[in-house]
Amino acid sequence: MDYDKTAIPEAYDRGRQMQPGVMALWLDEMASILPRRPERIVDLGCGTGRLSAGLANGYAAQVIGVDPSEKMLREAQAKDLGPDVSFRRGSAETITVESGWADLVFMSMVFHHIDDRETAAAECMRVLAPGGCVAIRNATREQAASVPFNGWFEGFEAVYEARMPALAEITAPFEAAGFRLIGRRVIDQPTHPDWTTFVARTAQRADSLLIRLPDAAFEAGMARLRAANRPGPVHDRVDLVVLQTPA
């Protein structure tokens, strides 16, 4: 998806805000798999940079965020994220970082946007130092039943099935490029503290799947969400896949 042709960048942080503690949860899960603490990280598909500072602070690392969208990078660069975070325009197929620089390439909800996965895997191999890792945080077809939007928007399930990868589709291009799978987890994460917040954030339509629905289907789904009132926080389940380059 070309985010520069949408209004998603301006609404992204409002619609995709992480719950307190969720970033720490992901950092801890990755740290339990990674062979060493990463000191130099490429946040590939960084978008508005919403996770870049968390990576830098959580691992005491230098982070370069890379994204193809000018609008997303404009939002990221407007933030004061400290001296250890910088941003560059690039893509998964052309990572604008020198060879061997990174200890970790981190991708959050990015894999399903990559057109040439084999080239992307080769680029990750190029920018990683020997023994470096790629960590992929992504929705998968295996976790479709946990997606909070399912059942509320006509046509959403079909869009999800068509766009989201199966786990094997994530690992295959990286293993073909010479990576070795060293860890895989399914993380149950709270996405919204309550139903009212879920509805308000969903209304921002800051999601690449919701934006693909016809406007009428989206508005009808929002009406159903507003008429409902479910108790407790809203959760979903997301895959974490970590692969390592040869040492």
Foldseek 3Di string as FASTA:
>chain_A
DQCQVDPLLVLVCLLQPADPPPLVVVLVVVVVQAPDQKAEEEAAQCFLVNCVLVSCVVRVHQYEYEEQHPSRVVNNVVDCSDDRYYYDYDHLLGDPAAFQQTQEYEYAQCPLVDDDLLSSLLVVNGNHHAFGKYKYKHAAPVFLVQDPLPPLFPPLSVLCVVRHHHPCVNVVSNVVNAWAWRDKDKDKGFRFFALVSNLVSVVSVSDPSSVPDPPVRSVSSSVVSVVDGDDGTRIGIIMMTMITHHD
